[in-house]
Amino acid sequence: MRLVFDRGTIVLLDANQPVAPPAETQDFPGALWDARIAALRCPARFHPALVAELRHRGVQFTDEVSGIGPALPRSLPAVALRPYQEAALAAWEFSGRRGTAVLPTGSGKTHLAIAAIAGSAVPALCLVPTRVLLDQWARTIEDVLHVPAGRLGDGDRRVERITVATFESGWRHMHHLGNQFGLLVVDEAHHFGAGLRDEALDMCTAPLRLGLTATKPRGPAGLRLDELLGPTVYELRIDELVGEYLAPFDTIVLHLDLTPAERDEYDALTAIFRDVVARFRRFHPNATWDEFAKIAGRTEAGRRAIAAWHRCRRITAFPSAKRQVVGALLKRHRTARTIVFVADNPTAYAISREHLVMPLTCDIGRKEREKALSLFREGKLRALVSAQVLNEGLDVPDADVGIVVAGSKGEREHVQRVGRVLRPRTGKRALVFELVVRGTNEIKQARKRRDALAA
């Protein structure tokens, strides 16, 4: 029997294979019968388990799957870690170098991963969600380990023994790269577990896996992530690092009101949406939002309801009251370094134009973004405004004040945003302002976000 890597899968080839699978092979890990080639096939991630099962059964086979290159140099520099990073690394190693570390934003997950790469000494593929993080990870790897870092994404297609790829590029190239790495590192791992891009992790043979996140998903998505990367091996909350490693902070929730005109429009739109949702819930009491949107999109009334919901979100994202308060807070804290978090790019640009604040959005190129962050670090820029670019992973310079105008992704996003202003400094106590509109869904969402910070 031969094991062969084929476009992100493992094929078990046998010259004597019959046209149907023998009964004794039907329970091989992850394997299904592929009648097109009269052979068993399984996702590439099952390769280690499949090899172990074949050996356990005494099956003679040749393993032609691995395309892993030479080991990393033995002379790699030692990576300096904080005590909790050392503990997380040890927990991962004791768990067979497979699992997820859950650490707050700003706690140094990238350096933990680099230490894991150096200690494992095998070619590593690092998956990151954005082009911004692709550049940041590659630069950090080269600065710390003094070896070239490959890049897949943002116009680059260079593969090295340590390669960084965006989620999208990793997914697109895994059919031919999936057998070339011994370690798979996934930054912001909470993006996986419930989507199409899970295939990227399924198509990789790497037996060693490290997931990094500040907010691991729960329920079915969390269980799926355990299958793809391994279980949670180490976890710390923000409050456990505040003081020595993260700055202490105060959260101030400002409750605001819509103008009469905004309130009338909001209430009218809400009534349209709630009427359709109520009818839908009578027949589908346990349906998810995605299921509702899919079914609602088939009718005119459903489409109007979804449009009404989106318009409600736009009203609460940046009403007149938030516009005034943002101006007042920027003026009040004009000597501090401030980050303004908004729900969408139009709001970011509106604040940018009105207050001459530098926007950081997906439309801003790498060089301009790096220049803005450098000026912010030097204190020459006192404020930045961003919808999502600063939410995840990006190494943001020290900031004192965060203004959360609105969000689009719930508790996970809020935890990441708060972490952006918690870089420690002697005598620092960060301020986080959260703007919430009374009489809207923002009240309930704000409560959930505060609960997430305390969890």
Protein backbone atom coordinates (compact mmCIF):
# COMPACT_ATOMS: atom_id res chain seq x y z
CA MET A 1 0.00 0.00 0.00
CA ARG A 2 1.16 3.53 -0.81
CA LEU A 3 0.17 6.80 0.89
CA VAL A 4 0.19 9.73 -1.54
CA PHE A 5 -0.54 13.44 -1.07
CA ASP A 6 -3.11 14.56 -3.62
CA ARG A 7 -4.38 18.17 -3.60
CA GLY A 8 -4.83 18.46 0.13
CA THR A 9 -5.89 14.85 0.70
CA ILE A 10 -4.20 11.53 1.41
CA VAL A 11 -4.92 8.67 -0.99
CA LEU A 12 -4.32 5.03 0.00
CA LEU A 13 -3.28 3.25 -3.15
CA ASP A 14 -3.11 -0.53 -3.43
CA ALA A 15 -2.46 -2.44 -6.64
CA ASN A 16 -4.67 -5.23 -5.31
CA GLN A 17 -7.50 -2.94 -4.24
CA PRO A 18 -10.95 -4.27 -5.20
CA VAL A 19 -13.73 -2.08 -6.64
CA ALA A 20 -15.20 -1.64 -3.15
CA PRO A 21 -13.36 -1.01 0.13
CA PRO A 22 -12.57 -4.05 2.27
CA ALA A 23 -14.47 -4.07 5.55
CA GLU A 24 -11.27 -3.84 7.59
CA THR A 25 -10.37 -0.44 6.01
CA GLN A 26 -13.70 1.25 6.48
CA ASP A 27 -12.81 2.70 9.87
CA PHE A 28 -9.46 4.27 8.94
CA PRO A 29 -9.25 7.80 10.45
CA GLY A 30 -11.17 10.25 8.25
CA ALA A 31 -11.14 7.93 5.24
CA LEU A 32 -13.91 7.61 2.68
CA TRP A 33 -14.09 5.42 -0.41
CA ASP A 34 -13.45 7.31 -3.66
CA ALA A 35 -15.11 5.23 -6.35
CA ARG A 36 -13.56 7.38 -9.11
CA ILE A 37 -10.13 5.91 -8.42
CA ALA A 38 -11.17 2.83 -6.41
CA ALA A 39 -9.16 3.94 -3.38
CA LEU A 40 -9.59 5.36 0.10
CA ARG A 41 -9.12 9.11 0.53
CA CYS A 42 -9.00 11.31 3.65
CA PRO A 43 -8.24 14.96 4.49
CA ALA A 44 -4.52 15.60 4.78
CA ARG A 45 -4.70 16.49 8.49
CA PHE A 46 -5.43 12.81 9.25
CA HIS A 47 -2.01 11.75 7.96
CA PRO A 48 -0.37 11.24 11.40
CA ALA A 49 -3.39 9.31 12.71
CA LEU A 50 -3.57 7.22 9.54
CA VAL A 51 0.11 6.27 9.73
CA ALA A 52 -0.28 5.31 13.39
CA GLU A 53 -3.34 3.16 12.59
CA LEU A 54 -1.61 1.34 9.73
CA ARG A 55 1.36 0.55 11.94
CA HIS A 56 -0.93 -0.61 14.73
CA ARG A 57 -2.61 -3.04 12.34
CA GLY A 58 0.69 -4.28 10.95
CA VAL A 59 -0.13 -3.12 7.41
CA GLN A 60 2.88 -2.88 5.08
CA PHE A 61 2.98 0.52 3.37
CA THR A 62 5.23 3.17 1.91
CA ASP A 63 4.61 6.75 2.99
CA GLU A 64 5.16 9.13 0.06
CA VAL A 65 3.19 11.99 1.58
CA SER A 66 5.76 14.20 3.25
CA GLY A 67 7.38 16.98 1.26
CA ILE A 68 8.88 18.59 4.37
CA GLY A 69 12.29 20.11 3.73
CA PRO A 70 15.35 20.23 5.99
CA ALA A 71 15.03 21.19 9.64
CA LEU A 72 15.56 24.75 10.80
CA PRO A 73 19.11 25.76 11.77
CA ARG A 74 20.21 24.65 15.24
CA SER A 75 21.79 28.07 15.76
CA LEU A 76 18.50 29.99 15.97
CA PRO A 77 18.60 32.71 18.66
CA ALA A 78 16.82 32.07 21.95
CA VAL A 79 13.46 33.83 22.17
CA ALA A 80 13.01 35.83 25.38
CA LEU A 81 9.58 35.14 26.88
CA ARG A 82 7.59 36.47 29.82
CA PRO A 83 6.72 33.92 32.54
CA TYR A 84 3.16 33.38 31.30
CA GLN A 85 4.44 32.94 27.73
CA GLU A 86 6.90 30.32 29.01
CA ALA A 87 4.01 28.59 30.79
CA ALA A 88 1.87 28.64 27.63
CA LEU A 89 4.74 27.22 25.58
CA ALA A 90 5.36 24.45 28.13
CA ALA A 91 1.65 23.59 28.23
CA TRP A 92 1.62 23.33 24.43
CA GLU A 93 4.73 21.13 24.41
CA PHE A 94 3.36 18.87 27.14
CA SER A 95 0.18 18.48 25.06
CA GLY A 96 2.13 16.95 22.20
CA ARG A 97 2.73 20.31 20.48
CA ARG A 98 -0.89 20.48 19.44
CA GLY A 99 -3.49 22.89 20.82
CA THR A 100 -4.69 26.47 21.22
CA ALA A 101 -3.36 29.20 23.52
CA VAL A 102 -5.96 31.79 24.55
CA LEU A 103 -4.23 35.02 25.57
CA PRO A 104 -5.42 38.66 25.71
CA THR A 105 -4.73 41.13 22.94
CA GLY A 106 -1.34 42.76 23.50
CA SER A 107 0.09 39.88 25.53
CA GLY A 108 2.65 38.83 22.89
CA LYS A 109 1.13 35.85 21.10
CA THR A 110 3.45 36.35 18.10
CA HIS A 111 6.59 35.90 20.21
CA LEU A 112 5.07 32.80 21.79
CA ALA A 113 4.56 31.37 18.30
CA ILE A 114 8.11 32.24 17.23
CA ALA A 115 9.46 30.45 20.32
CA ALA A 116 7.35 27.42 19.40
CA ILE A 117 8.74 27.50 15.85
CA ALA A 118 12.33 27.74 17.09
CA GLY A 119 11.82 24.97 19.63
CA SER A 120 10.14 22.61 17.17
CA ALA A 121 12.89 23.15 14.56
CA VAL A 122 10.68 22.02 11.65
CA PRO A 123 9.48 24.06 8.66
CA ALA A 124 6.49 26.13 9.75
CA LEU A 125 3.53 27.74 8.01
CA CYS A 126 1.90 30.67 9.82
CA LEU A 127 -1.62 31.69 8.77
CA VAL A 128 -2.81 35.23 9.57
CA PRO A 129 -6.10 36.96 8.69
CA THR A 130 -4.88 40.13 6.96
CA ARG A 131 -2.16 41.56 4.73
CA VAL A 132 -1.24 43.92 7.56
CA LEU A 133 -0.47 40.98 9.83
CA LEU A 134 1.31 39.14 7.02
CA ASP A 135 3.87 41.94 6.86
CA GLN A 136 4.10 42.29 10.65
CA TRP A 137 4.62 38.57 11.27
CA ALA A 138 7.24 38.23 8.51
CA ARG A 139 9.21 41.22 9.80
CA THR A 140 9.08 39.98 13.41
CA ILE A 141 10.23 36.47 12.45
CA GLU A 142 13.19 37.91 10.54
CA ASP A 143 14.08 40.33 13.35
CA VAL A 144 13.92 37.69 16.10
CA LEU A 145 15.24 34.55 14.37
CA HIS A 146 17.47 36.17 11.71
CA VAL A 147 16.20 33.88 8.96
CA PRO A 148 14.24 34.81 5.82
CA ALA A 149 10.48 34.54 6.10
CA GLY A 150 8.46 33.51 3.08
CA ARG A 151 5.28 35.40 2.19
CA LEU A 152 2.09 34.31 0.49
CA GLY A 153 -0.30 37.18 -0.06
CA ASP A 154 -0.31 40.92 -0.80
CA GLY A 155 1.41 40.24 -4.13
CA ASP A 156 4.16 37.98 -2.71
CA ARG A 157 4.60 34.29 -3.54
CA ARG A 158 7.84 33.30 -1.85
CA VAL A 159 8.04 30.08 0.17
CA GLU A 160 10.75 29.59 2.81
CA ARG A 161 11.21 27.13 5.67
CA ILE A 162 9.21 29.60 7.74
CA THR A 163 6.41 31.04 5.63
CA VAL A 164 3.61 33.46 6.52
CA ALA A 165 0.39 33.42 4.51
CA THR A 166 -2.94 35.18 4.73
CA PHE A 167 -5.92 32.92 5.34
CA GLU A 168 -7.05 33.44 1.75
CA SER A 169 -3.65 32.70 0.20
CA GLY A 170 -3.12 29.71 2.47
CA TRP A 171 -6.45 28.28 1.36
CA ARG A 172 -5.66 28.88 -2.31
CA HIS A 173 -2.19 27.31 -2.18
CA MET A 174 -2.69 24.50 0.32
CA HIS A 175 -3.44 21.96 -2.43
CA HIS A 176 0.27 21.94 -3.29
CA LEU A 177 1.86 23.29 -0.08
CA GLY A 178 -0.09 21.23 2.43
CA ASN A 179 2.59 18.54 2.83
CA GLN A 180 5.63 20.84 3.06
CA PHE A 181 5.46 21.94 6.72
CA GLY A 182 5.78 20.17 10.04
CA LEU A 183 4.20 22.95 12.13
CA LEU A 184 1.03 24.92 11.39
CA VAL A 185 0.51 28.16 13.35
CA VAL A 186 -2.86 29.91 13.10
CA ASP A 187 -3.14 33.47 14.40
CA GLU A 188 -6.61 34.78 15.34
CA ALA A 189 -7.77 31.16 15.23
CA HIS A 190 -11.34 32.09 16.18
CA HIS A 191 -11.96 32.80 12.48
CA PHE A 192 -11.96 29.04 11.91
CA GLY A 193 -14.37 26.38 13.08
CA ALA A 194 -17.50 27.34 11.16
CA GLY A 195 -16.64 28.25 7.60
CA LEU A 196 -15.38 27.33 4.16
CA ARG A 197 -11.78 28.30 4.97
CA ASP A 198 -11.61 25.41 7.47
CA GLU A 199 -10.53 23.45 4.41
CA ALA A 200 -7.13 25.15 4.63
CA LEU A 201 -6.47 23.41 7.97
CA ASP A 202 -7.93 20.13 6.73
CA MET A 203 -5.60 20.17 3.69
CA CYS A 204 -2.39 20.43 5.72
CA THR A 205 -0.49 17.36 6.95
CA ALA A 206 1.43 19.23 9.70
CA PRO A 207 1.30 17.06 12.84
CA LEU A 208 2.28 20.00 15.09
CA ARG A 209 -0.36 22.72 15.40
CA LEU A 210 -0.62 25.92 17.43
CA GLY A 211 -3.72 28.11 17.50
CA LEU A 212 -3.59 31.64 18.92
CA THR A 213 -6.61 33.72 19.91
CA ALA A 214 -7.88 36.13 22.53
CA THR A 215 -11.44 34.81 22.27
CA LYS A 216 -11.91 31.18 21.38
CA PRO A 217 -15.41 30.36 20.05
CA ARG A 218 -17.74 28.15 22.05
CA GLY A 219 -20.25 25.51 21.04
CA PRO A 220 -19.95 23.63 17.72
CA ALA A 221 -17.37 26.09 16.32
CA GLY A 222 -15.14 25.57 19.36
CA LEU A 223 -15.40 21.79 19.08
CA ARG A 224 -14.55 21.96 15.38
CA LEU A 225 -11.52 24.12 16.19
CA ASP A 226 -10.40 21.49 18.69
CA GLU A 227 -10.49 18.93 15.86
CA LEU A 228 -8.50 21.16 13.51
CA LEU A 229 -5.86 22.51 15.91
CA GLY A 230 -6.20 20.69 19.20
CA PRO A 231 -7.87 21.66 22.51
CA THR A 232 -7.19 24.73 24.61
CA VAL A 233 -3.87 24.10 26.37
CA TYR A 234 -3.45 27.46 28.14
CA GLU A 235 -5.75 30.40 28.87
CA LEU A 236 -5.44 33.79 30.56
CA ARG A 237 -7.93 36.67 30.88
CA ILE A 238 -7.19 40.38 30.61
CA ASP A 239 -7.66 40.91 34.35
CA GLU A 240 -5.00 38.28 35.12
CA LEU A 241 -2.33 40.32 33.29
CA VAL A 242 -3.43 43.84 34.21
CA GLY A 243 -0.82 45.57 36.32
CA GLU A 244 2.56 44.12 35.39
CA TYR A 245 2.02 43.10 31.77
CA LEU A 246 -1.07 45.08 30.74
CA ALA A 247 -2.01 48.57 31.85
CA PRO A 248 -4.88 48.99 34.33
CA PHE A 249 -7.89 50.63 32.73
CA ASP A 250 -11.28 52.20 33.40
CA THR A 251 -14.31 51.69 31.17
CA ILE A 252 -16.75 54.61 30.97
CA VAL A 253 -20.07 53.90 29.25
CA LEU A 254 -21.79 57.02 27.93
CA HIS A 255 -25.53 56.57 27.28
CA LEU A 256 -26.77 58.84 24.50
CA ASP A 257 -30.12 59.64 22.86
CA LEU A 258 -31.23 59.78 19.25
CA THR A 259 -32.71 63.02 17.95
CA PRO A 260 -36.52 62.97 17.48
CA ALA A 261 -36.11 62.46 13.74
CA GLU A 262 -33.57 59.66 14.20
CA ARG A 263 -35.80 58.02 16.84
CA ASP A 264 -38.88 58.10 14.57
CA GLU A 265 -36.94 56.51 11.71
CA TYR A 266 -35.33 53.93 13.98
CA ASP A 267 -38.64 52.88 15.56
CA ALA A 268 -40.37 52.59 12.17
CA LEU A 269 -37.60 50.44 10.75
CA THR A 270 -37.45 48.30 13.89
CA ALA A 271 -41.18 47.59 13.63
CA ILE A 272 -40.74 46.34 10.05
CA PHE A 273 -37.90 44.05 11.08
CA ARG A 274 -39.50 42.72 14.28
CA ASP A 275 -42.76 41.84 12.53
CA VAL A 276 -40.99 39.61 10.01
CA VAL A 277 -38.70 38.06 12.65
CA ALA A 278 -41.66 37.27 14.93
CA ARG A 279 -43.45 35.39 12.14
CA PHE A 280 -40.24 33.55 11.28
CA ARG A 281 -39.59 32.52 14.91
CA ARG A 282 -43.01 30.91 15.21
CA PHE A 283 -41.94 28.29 12.66
CA HIS A 284 -38.17 28.27 13.28
CA PRO A 285 -37.65 28.97 17.01
CA ASN A 286 -34.03 27.77 17.09
CA ALA A 287 -32.81 29.15 13.76
CA THR A 288 -29.59 31.18 13.54
CA TRP A 289 -29.27 34.66 12.05
CA ASP A 290 -27.67 33.20 8.90
CA GLU A 291 -30.60 30.83 8.48
CA PHE A 292 -33.06 33.69 8.92
CA ALA A 293 -31.23 35.86 6.39
CA LYS A 294 -31.14 33.03 3.84
CA ILE A 295 -34.87 32.32 4.12
CA ALA A 296 -35.88 35.98 4.43
CA GLY A 297 -33.99 36.84 1.27
CA ARG A 298 -36.46 34.75 -0.75
CA THR A 299 -39.41 37.09 -0.15
CA GLU A 300 -40.03 40.80 -0.68
CA ALA A 301 -41.09 41.27 2.95
CA GLY A 302 -37.99 39.47 4.16
CA ARG A 303 -35.70 41.59 2.01
CA ARG A 304 -37.35 44.76 3.33
CA ALA A 305 -36.82 43.50 6.89
CA ILE A 306 -33.11 42.86 6.31
CA ALA A 307 -32.73 46.28 4.67
CA ALA A 308 -34.50 47.85 7.67
CA TRP A 309 -32.13 46.07 10.06
CA HIS A 310 -29.07 47.35 8.18
CA ARG A 311 -30.46 50.89 8.18
CA CYS A 312 -31.04 50.66 11.96
CA ARG A 313 -27.42 49.64 12.39
CA ARG A 314 -26.28 52.65 10.36
CA ILE A 315 -28.40 55.01 12.45
CA THR A 316 -26.96 53.78 15.75
CA ALA A 317 -23.42 53.53 14.34
CA PHE A 318 -22.93 57.31 14.19
CA PRO A 319 -25.98 59.42 15.12
CA SER A 320 -25.78 63.13 15.93
CA ALA A 321 -25.15 62.51 19.64
CA LYS A 322 -22.14 60.26 18.96
CA ARG A 323 -20.78 62.79 16.49
CA GLN A 324 -20.87 65.51 19.16
CA VAL A 325 -19.40 63.32 21.92
CA VAL A 326 -16.52 62.09 19.73
CA GLY A 327 -15.59 65.72 19.07
CA ALA A 328 -15.78 66.58 22.75
CA LEU A 329 -13.67 63.57 23.81
CA LEU A 330 -11.00 64.25 21.19
CA LYS A 331 -10.81 67.85 22.41
CA ARG A 332 -10.76 66.82 26.08
CA HIS A 333 -7.96 64.28 25.52
CA ARG A 334 -6.07 66.20 22.84
CA THR A 335 -2.73 65.65 24.62
CA ALA A 336 -3.23 61.86 24.88
CA ARG A 337 -2.74 59.28 22.18
CA THR A 338 -6.23 58.18 21.24
CA ILE A 339 -7.71 55.42 19.06
CA VAL A 340 -11.28 55.81 17.82
CA PHE A 341 -13.03 52.53 16.90
CA VAL A 342 -16.03 52.67 14.56
CA ALA A 343 -18.27 50.14 12.81
CA ASP A 344 -17.54 50.92 9.16
CA ASN A 345 -15.27 52.82 6.80
CA PRO A 346 -17.77 55.63 5.97
CA THR A 347 -17.89 56.53 9.67
CA ALA A 348 -14.10 56.42 9.90
CA TYR A 349 -13.78 58.82 6.98
CA ALA A 350 -16.47 61.12 8.39
CA ILE A 351 -14.56 61.46 11.68
CA SER A 352 -11.31 61.83 9.78
CA ARG A 353 -12.63 64.75 7.73
CA GLU A 354 -14.35 66.50 10.62
CA HIS A 355 -11.51 66.25 13.16
CA LEU A 356 -8.45 65.83 10.91
CA VAL A 357 -7.78 62.39 12.38
CA MET A 358 -5.73 59.87 10.41
CA PRO A 359 -7.93 56.95 9.21
CA LEU A 360 -6.57 53.41 9.10
CA THR A 361 -8.82 51.31 6.86
CA CYS A 362 -8.44 48.49 4.37
CA ASP A 363 -8.06 51.18 1.67
CA ILE A 364 -4.82 52.51 3.19
CA GLY A 365 -1.68 51.00 1.65
CA ARG A 366 1.16 49.40 3.57
CA LYS A 367 3.62 52.31 3.34
CA GLU A 368 1.06 54.93 4.35
CA ARG A 369 -0.15 52.73 7.22
CA GLU A 370 3.37 52.17 8.51
CA LYS A 371 4.13 55.89 8.34
CA ALA A 372 0.95 56.73 10.28
CA LEU A 373 1.75 54.19 13.01
CA SER A 374 5.32 55.50 13.23
CA LEU A 375 4.10 59.09 13.65
CA PHE A 376 1.57 57.90 16.26
CA ARG A 377 4.34 56.10 18.12
CA GLU A 378 6.46 59.29 18.11
CA GLY A 379 3.55 61.40 19.33
CA LYS A 380 3.40 63.48 16.14
CA LEU A 381 -0.05 62.03 15.42
CA ARG A 382 -2.28 62.17 18.48
CA ALA A 383 -5.25 60.16 17.21
CA LEU A 384 -6.20 57.38 14.79
CA VAL A 385 -9.63 56.18 13.65
CA SER A 386 -10.30 52.66 12.37
CA ALA A 387 -13.18 50.34 11.57
CA GLN A 388 -11.49 46.93 11.69
CA VAL A 389 -7.80 47.19 10.74
CA LEU A 390 -6.72 47.76 14.36
CA ASN A 391 -8.99 45.09 15.83
CA GLU A 392 -6.77 42.06 15.46
CA GLY A 393 -3.14 41.31 16.02
CA LEU A 394 -1.61 44.49 14.59
CA ASP A 395 1.23 45.81 16.75
CA VAL A 396 -0.29 49.17 17.65
CA PRO A 397 1.92 51.72 19.42
CA ASP A 398 1.13 52.73 22.99
CA ALA A 399 -2.24 54.49 23.32
CA ASP A 400 -3.86 56.02 26.40
CA VAL A 401 -7.50 56.44 25.35
CA GLY A 402 -9.87 54.28 23.36
CA ILE A 403 -13.22 55.57 22.10
CA VAL A 404 -15.54 52.76 21.01
CA VAL A 405 -18.13 54.52 18.84
CA ALA A 406 -19.72 51.33 17.51
CA GLY A 407 -18.85 47.75 16.62
CA SER A 408 -20.00 45.12 14.18
CA LYS A 409 -18.75 41.82 15.61
CA GLY A 410 -19.88 41.66 19.22
CA GLU A 411 -17.98 40.68 22.34
CA ARG A 412 -14.92 39.22 20.62
CA GLU A 413 -14.26 42.45 18.76
CA HIS A 414 -14.65 44.51 21.95
CA VAL A 415 -12.12 42.42 23.87
CA GLN A 416 -9.62 42.90 21.06
CA ARG A 417 -10.25 46.64 20.87
CA VAL A 418 -9.78 47.17 24.60
CA GLY A 419 -6.51 45.26 24.32
CA ARG A 420 -5.24 47.87 21.85
CA VAL A 421 -4.88 50.47 24.63
CA LEU A 422 -3.47 48.22 27.36
CA ARG A 423 0.22 48.33 26.46
CA PRO A 424 1.84 48.98 29.87
CA ARG A 425 3.80 52.09 30.80
CA THR A 426 4.93 53.38 34.19
CA GLY A 427 2.11 55.32 35.80
CA LYS A 428 -0.33 54.65 32.97
CA ARG A 429 -4.03 54.00 33.51
CA ALA A 430 -5.92 53.63 30.24
CA LEU A 431 -9.38 55.04 29.57
CA VAL A 432 -11.95 53.26 27.39
CA PHE A 433 -15.08 55.21 26.45
CA GLU A 434 -17.99 53.22 25.08
CA LEU A 435 -20.78 55.16 23.35
CA VAL A 436 -24.19 53.48 23.60
CA VAL A 437 -27.58 54.68 22.31
CA ARG A 438 -30.50 54.34 24.74
CA GLY A 439 -33.57 52.42 23.63
CA THR A 440 -31.70 50.37 21.02
CA ASN A 441 -30.08 46.96 20.77
CA GLU A 442 -26.77 48.60 21.70
CA ILE A 443 -27.77 48.47 25.38
CA LYS A 444 -27.93 44.66 25.39
CA GLN A 445 -24.77 44.37 23.28
CA ALA A 446 -22.86 46.66 25.66
CA ARG A 447 -23.84 44.45 28.59
CA LYS A 448 -22.57 41.37 26.75
CA ARG A 449 -19.30 43.13 25.93
CA ARG A 450 -18.70 44.03 29.58
CA ASP A 451 -19.46 40.45 30.60
CA ALA A 452 -16.92 39.22 28.04
CA LEU A 453 -14.19 41.41 29.57
CA ALA A 454 -14.95 39.97 33.01
CA ALA A 455 -15.14 36.34 31.84
